[in-house]
Amino acid sequence: MFKRKAGENEGEGFSLRALMKGLLALVFLCMLILAVSIWYVQPAQKLDLAYGEFPLKDKVFSMLMSRRLEVTLSEQEVNDLLKKALAAHAQIRPGLELTGARFYLQGSSFRRM
């Protein structure tokens, strides 16, 4: 009944096909960003709160033998002490629990991972 002339009204408005393509591209982009984010925040090594016992008697004995009120701790001993303290308070708030940590000494300070 009504016929359009060639070229008339073309480019006006959005077609359903173009809208679906744009929506599909947006969903794909969101999924890609989510996947990259999960990959990025995932730790490189398996972290846990397992720790060894601190040799307190040995440290006190060596302190008495050297007659100095100082104790030298290794990186592993510092890591074990900090993990023990964290394990005692692993639940940060309801629904949020700390499941692993790793600490490294850098000179006289440490950094966590």
N, C-alpha and C. Protein backbone atom coordinates (compact mmCIF):
# COMPACT_ATOMS: atom_id res chain seq x y z
N MET A 1 0.82 -1.17 0.00
CA MET A 1 0.00 0.00 0.00
C MET A 1 0.87 1.25 0.00
N PHE A 2 1.67 1.43 1.09
CA PHE A 2 2.60 2.55 1.09
C PHE A 2 3.98 2.01 0.80
N LYS A 3 4.60 2.55 -0.16
CA LYS A 3 5.95 2.12 -0.50
C LYS A 3 6.90 3.27 -0.25
N ARG A 4 8.06 2.90 0.31
CA ARG A 4 9.09 3.90 0.54
C ARG A 4 9.96 3.98 -0.69
N LYS A 5 10.44 5.12 -0.93
CA LYS A 5 11.40 5.29 -2.01
C LYS A 5 12.75 4.83 -1.50
N ALA A 6 13.59 4.37 -2.35
CA ALA A 6 14.93 3.92 -1.97
C ALA A 6 15.68 5.07 -1.34
N GLY A 7 16.28 4.80 -0.18
CA GLY A 7 17.07 5.81 0.50
C GLY A 7 16.27 6.69 1.43
N GLU A 8 14.99 6.59 1.42
CA GLU A 8 14.14 7.44 2.27
C GLU A 8 14.01 6.81 3.66
N ASN A 9 14.19 7.58 4.72
CA ASN A 9 14.07 7.16 6.11
C ASN A 9 15.11 6.12 6.54
N GLU A 10 16.13 5.91 5.76
CA GLU A 10 17.16 4.96 6.16
C GLU A 10 18.07 5.64 7.18
N GLY A 11 18.50 4.89 8.17
CA GLY A 11 19.40 5.43 9.18
C GLY A 11 18.67 6.09 10.32
N GLU A 12 17.39 6.20 10.27
CA GLU A 12 16.65 6.80 11.37
C GLU A 12 16.28 5.71 12.38
N GLY A 13 16.49 5.99 13.65
CA GLY A 13 16.13 5.03 14.70
C GLY A 13 17.10 3.87 14.77
N PHE A 14 16.80 2.94 15.67
CA PHE A 14 17.63 1.76 15.85
C PHE A 14 16.86 0.53 15.42
N SER A 15 17.54 -0.35 14.77
CA SER A 15 16.89 -1.61 14.44
C SER A 15 17.08 -2.57 15.60
N LEU A 16 16.22 -3.54 15.69
CA LEU A 16 16.29 -4.52 16.76
C LEU A 16 17.57 -5.34 16.64
N ARG A 17 17.99 -5.64 15.43
CA ARG A 17 19.21 -6.41 15.21
C ARG A 17 20.44 -5.65 15.72
N ALA A 18 20.53 -4.37 15.45
CA ALA A 18 21.66 -3.57 15.91
C ALA A 18 21.65 -3.47 17.43
N LEU A 19 20.48 -3.34 18.01
CA LEU A 19 20.35 -3.27 19.47
C LEU A 19 20.81 -4.57 20.12
N MET A 20 20.43 -5.69 19.56
CA MET A 20 20.82 -7.00 20.09
C MET A 20 22.33 -7.21 19.96
N LYS A 21 22.91 -6.79 18.85
CA LYS A 21 24.36 -6.90 18.66
C LYS A 21 25.10 -6.06 19.70
N GLY A 22 24.64 -4.86 19.93
CA GLY A 22 25.25 -3.99 20.92
C GLY A 22 25.12 -4.55 22.32
N LEU A 23 23.95 -5.08 22.64
CA LEU A 23 23.73 -5.68 23.95
C LEU A 23 24.59 -6.92 24.15
N LEU A 24 24.70 -7.74 23.13
CA LEU A 24 25.55 -8.93 23.19
C LEU A 24 27.02 -8.54 23.37
N ALA A 25 27.46 -7.52 22.67
CA ALA A 25 28.84 -7.05 22.80
C ALA A 25 29.10 -6.51 24.21
N LEU A 26 28.13 -5.83 24.79
CA LEU A 26 28.26 -5.30 26.15
C LEU A 26 28.34 -6.43 27.17
N VAL A 27 27.51 -7.45 27.02
CA VAL A 27 27.54 -8.59 27.93
C VAL A 27 28.88 -9.32 27.82
N PHE A 28 29.36 -9.51 26.59
CA PHE A 28 30.65 -10.16 26.38
C PHE A 28 31.78 -9.36 27.02
N LEU A 29 31.75 -8.06 26.86
CA LEU A 29 32.78 -7.20 27.44
C LEU A 29 32.75 -7.27 28.97
N CYS A 30 31.57 -7.26 29.57
CA CYS A 30 31.44 -7.38 31.03
C CYS A 30 31.99 -8.72 31.53
N MET A 31 31.69 -9.80 30.81
CA MET A 31 32.19 -11.12 31.20
C MET A 31 33.71 -11.17 31.08
N LEU A 32 34.25 -10.55 30.06
CA LEU A 32 35.70 -10.52 29.87
C LEU A 32 36.37 -9.74 31.00
N ILE A 33 35.82 -8.60 31.36
CA ILE A 33 36.37 -7.79 32.45
C ILE A 33 36.29 -8.56 33.77
N LEU A 34 35.20 -9.26 34.00
CA LEU A 34 35.05 -10.05 35.22
C LEU A 34 36.09 -11.18 35.26
N ALA A 35 36.29 -11.88 34.16
CA ALA A 35 37.26 -12.98 34.11
C ALA A 35 38.67 -12.47 34.34
N VAL A 36 39.04 -11.36 33.74
CA VAL A 36 40.37 -10.79 33.92
C VAL A 36 40.55 -10.32 35.36
N SER A 37 39.52 -9.75 35.95
CA SER A 37 39.60 -9.29 37.34
C SER A 37 39.81 -10.46 38.30
N ILE A 38 39.10 -11.54 38.09
CA ILE A 38 39.26 -12.72 38.95
C ILE A 38 40.66 -13.29 38.79
N TRP A 39 41.15 -13.37 37.58
CA TRP A 39 42.49 -13.88 37.33
C TRP A 39 43.54 -12.98 37.99
N TYR A 40 43.34 -11.68 37.93
CA TYR A 40 44.33 -10.72 38.45
C TYR A 40 44.42 -10.77 39.97
N VAL A 41 43.31 -10.89 40.68
CA VAL A 41 43.33 -10.84 42.13
C VAL A 41 43.63 -12.19 42.77
N GLN A 42 43.64 -13.25 42.00
CA GLN A 42 43.95 -14.57 42.52
C GLN A 42 45.43 -14.64 42.89
N PRO A 43 45.76 -15.11 44.10
CA PRO A 43 47.17 -15.17 44.50
C PRO A 43 47.96 -16.17 43.65
N ALA A 44 49.24 -15.88 43.47
CA ALA A 44 50.11 -16.74 42.65
C ALA A 44 50.41 -18.05 43.36
N GLN A 45 50.40 -18.04 44.67
CA GLN A 45 50.65 -19.27 45.41
C GLN A 45 49.50 -19.53 46.37
N LYS A 46 49.34 -20.77 46.75
CA LYS A 46 48.28 -21.14 47.69
C LYS A 46 48.63 -20.61 49.07
N LEU A 47 47.77 -19.79 49.61
CA LEU A 47 47.99 -19.20 50.93
C LEU A 47 47.09 -19.88 51.96
N ASP A 48 47.63 -20.08 53.15
CA ASP A 48 46.84 -20.64 54.24
C ASP A 48 47.30 -20.01 55.56
N LEU A 49 46.69 -20.46 56.63
CA LEU A 49 47.07 -19.95 57.95
C LEU A 49 47.78 -21.03 58.77
N ALA A 50 48.38 -22.01 58.10
CA ALA A 50 49.15 -23.05 58.80
C ALA A 50 50.45 -22.44 59.32
N TYR A 51 50.80 -22.77 60.54
CA TYR A 51 52.00 -22.22 61.14
C TYR A 51 52.69 -23.28 61.99
N GLY A 52 53.97 -23.11 62.21
CA GLY A 52 54.73 -23.99 63.09
C GLY A 52 54.81 -23.37 64.47
N GLU A 53 55.11 -24.19 65.44
CA GLU A 53 55.22 -23.68 66.81
C GLU A 53 56.50 -22.87 66.97
N PHE A 54 56.41 -21.80 67.71
CA PHE A 54 57.55 -20.93 67.96
C PHE A 54 58.41 -21.53 69.07
N PRO A 55 59.73 -21.68 68.86
CA PRO A 55 60.60 -22.29 69.88
C PRO A 55 60.95 -21.29 70.97
N LEU A 56 60.00 -21.00 71.83
CA LEU A 56 60.17 -19.98 72.86
C LEU A 56 61.27 -20.35 73.86
N LYS A 57 61.30 -21.62 74.27
CA LYS A 57 62.31 -22.05 75.25
C LYS A 57 63.72 -21.88 74.67
N ASP A 58 63.90 -22.24 73.43
CA ASP A 58 65.21 -22.10 72.79
C ASP A 58 65.62 -20.63 72.70
N LYS A 59 64.66 -19.78 72.38
CA LYS A 59 64.96 -18.35 72.26
C LYS A 59 65.32 -17.75 73.62
N VAL A 60 64.59 -18.12 74.65
CA VAL A 60 64.88 -17.62 75.99
C VAL A 60 66.24 -18.13 76.46
N PHE A 61 66.53 -19.40 76.18
CA PHE A 61 67.80 -19.98 76.57
C PHE A 61 68.96 -19.27 75.88
N SER A 62 68.83 -19.02 74.59
CA SER A 62 69.91 -18.34 73.85
C SER A 62 70.06 -16.89 74.33
N MET A 63 68.96 -16.28 74.74
CA MET A 63 69.02 -14.92 75.27
C MET A 63 69.77 -14.91 76.61
N LEU A 64 69.49 -15.90 77.46
CA LEU A 64 70.18 -16.00 78.75
C LEU A 64 71.67 -16.31 78.56
N MET A 65 71.98 -17.17 77.61
CA MET A 65 73.37 -17.55 77.37
C MET A 65 74.18 -16.37 76.82
N SER A 66 73.56 -15.55 76.00
CA SER A 66 74.28 -14.40 75.43
C SER A 66 74.25 -13.19 76.36
N ARG A 67 73.45 -13.25 77.44
CA ARG A 67 73.30 -12.17 78.41
C ARG A 67 72.89 -10.85 77.77
N ARG A 68 72.05 -10.97 76.77
CA ARG A 68 71.53 -9.77 76.09
C ARG A 68 70.01 -9.90 76.00
N LEU A 69 69.34 -8.79 76.19
CA LEU A 69 67.88 -8.79 76.11
C LEU A 69 67.41 -8.53 74.69
N GLU A 70 67.87 -9.36 73.78
CA GLU A 70 67.40 -9.25 72.40
C GLU A 70 67.30 -10.64 71.80
N VAL A 71 66.37 -10.77 70.91
CA VAL A 71 66.13 -12.04 70.24
C VAL A 71 66.09 -11.77 68.74
N THR A 72 66.76 -12.61 67.99
CA THR A 72 66.74 -12.49 66.54
C THR A 72 65.76 -13.52 65.99
N LEU A 73 64.82 -13.03 65.19
CA LEU A 73 63.81 -13.91 64.59
C LEU A 73 64.09 -14.07 63.11
N SER A 74 63.91 -15.28 62.63
CA SER A 74 64.05 -15.52 61.19
C SER A 74 62.74 -15.13 60.49
N GLU A 75 62.79 -15.08 59.19
CA GLU A 75 61.59 -14.74 58.42
C GLU A 75 60.49 -15.77 58.68
N GLN A 76 60.85 -17.04 58.75
CA GLN A 76 59.86 -18.10 58.99
C GLN A 76 59.24 -17.97 60.37
N GLU A 77 60.03 -17.60 61.37
CA GLU A 77 59.51 -17.42 62.73
C GLU A 77 58.55 -16.24 62.80
N VAL A 78 58.88 -15.16 62.12
CA VAL A 78 57.97 -14.00 62.08
C VAL A 78 56.69 -14.39 61.36
N ASN A 79 56.82 -15.11 60.26
CA ASN A 79 55.65 -15.56 59.50
C ASN A 79 54.76 -16.45 60.37
N ASP A 80 55.37 -17.38 61.11
CA ASP A 80 54.60 -18.28 61.98
C ASP A 80 53.89 -17.51 63.10
N LEU A 81 54.58 -16.55 63.73
CA LEU A 81 53.96 -15.77 64.81
C LEU A 81 52.78 -14.94 64.29
N LEU A 82 52.95 -14.32 63.15
CA LEU A 82 51.87 -13.50 62.60
C LEU A 82 50.69 -14.36 62.15
N LYS A 83 50.98 -15.51 61.55
CA LYS A 83 49.89 -16.41 61.13
C LYS A 83 49.13 -16.95 62.34
N LYS A 84 49.85 -17.22 63.41
CA LYS A 84 49.20 -17.70 64.63
C LYS A 84 48.23 -16.65 65.17
N ALA A 85 48.67 -15.40 65.18
CA ALA A 85 47.80 -14.31 65.64
C ALA A 85 46.60 -14.12 64.71
N LEU A 86 46.83 -14.23 63.40
CA LEU A 86 45.73 -14.09 62.46
C LEU A 86 44.75 -15.25 62.55
N ALA A 87 45.26 -16.47 62.77
CA ALA A 87 44.38 -17.64 62.87
C ALA A 87 43.46 -17.53 64.07
N ALA A 88 43.93 -16.89 65.13
CA ALA A 88 43.09 -16.72 66.32
C ALA A 88 41.94 -15.75 66.07
N HIS A 89 42.11 -14.86 65.08
CA HIS A 89 41.08 -13.87 64.76
C HIS A 89 40.78 -13.91 63.25
N ALA A 90 40.55 -15.11 62.72
CA ALA A 90 40.37 -15.27 61.27
C ALA A 90 39.06 -14.67 60.77
N GLN A 91 38.03 -14.67 61.62
CA GLN A 91 36.75 -14.10 61.19
C GLN A 91 36.80 -12.59 61.42
N ILE A 92 36.85 -11.86 60.30
CA ILE A 92 36.96 -10.41 60.37
C ILE A 92 35.63 -9.80 60.75
N ARG A 93 34.58 -10.25 60.09
CA ARG A 93 33.20 -9.87 60.42
C ARG A 93 32.31 -10.99 59.90
N PRO A 94 31.06 -11.02 60.27
CA PRO A 94 30.19 -12.11 59.80
C PRO A 94 30.17 -12.17 58.26
N GLY A 95 30.48 -13.34 57.75
CA GLY A 95 30.50 -13.54 56.31
C GLY A 95 31.84 -13.26 55.65
N LEU A 96 32.82 -12.78 56.41
CA LEU A 96 34.15 -12.46 55.87
C LEU A 96 35.20 -13.10 56.75
N GLU A 97 35.91 -14.09 56.18
CA GLU A 97 36.91 -14.83 56.94
C GLU A 97 38.24 -14.82 56.20
N LEU A 98 39.31 -14.59 56.94
CA LEU A 98 40.66 -14.61 56.40
C LEU A 98 41.11 -16.07 56.31
N THR A 99 41.55 -16.51 55.14
CA THR A 99 41.91 -17.92 54.96
C THR A 99 43.39 -18.14 54.70
N GLY A 100 44.15 -17.10 54.47
CA GLY A 100 45.57 -17.30 54.23
C GLY A 100 46.34 -16.01 54.19
N ALA A 101 47.66 -16.13 54.44
CA ALA A 101 48.54 -14.97 54.41
C ALA A 101 49.98 -15.46 54.27
N ARG A 102 50.84 -14.58 53.83
CA ARG A 102 52.28 -14.85 53.74
C ARG A 102 52.99 -13.53 53.99
N PHE A 103 54.00 -13.54 54.85
CA PHE A 103 54.73 -12.34 55.20
C PHE A 103 56.19 -12.50 54.81
N TYR A 104 56.80 -11.42 54.35
CA TYR A 104 58.20 -11.41 53.94
C TYR A 104 58.93 -10.31 54.69
N LEU A 105 60.13 -10.62 55.13
CA LEU A 105 60.97 -9.60 55.76
C LEU A 105 61.71 -8.82 54.68
N GLN A 106 61.76 -7.52 54.86
CA GLN A 106 62.54 -6.64 53.99
C GLN A 106 63.37 -5.75 54.91
N GLY A 107 64.59 -6.19 55.18
CA GLY A 107 65.40 -5.48 56.15
C GLY A 107 64.85 -5.69 57.53
N SER A 108 64.53 -4.62 58.23
CA SER A 108 63.96 -4.74 59.57
C SER A 108 62.44 -4.60 59.56
N SER A 109 61.85 -4.47 58.40
CA SER A 109 60.40 -4.39 58.29
C SER A 109 59.89 -5.60 57.50
N PHE A 110 58.59 -5.75 57.48
CA PHE A 110 58.01 -6.87 56.74
C PHE A 110 56.90 -6.35 55.85
N ARG A 111 56.56 -7.18 54.87
CA ARG A 111 55.42 -6.86 54.02
C ARG A 111 54.57 -8.10 53.89
N ARG A 112 53.29 -7.91 53.70
CA ARG A 112 52.39 -9.05 53.60
C ARG A 112 52.06 -9.32 52.15
N MET A 113 51.64 -10.51 51.91
CA MET A 113 51.24 -10.91 50.56
C MET A 113 49.90 -11.54 50.61
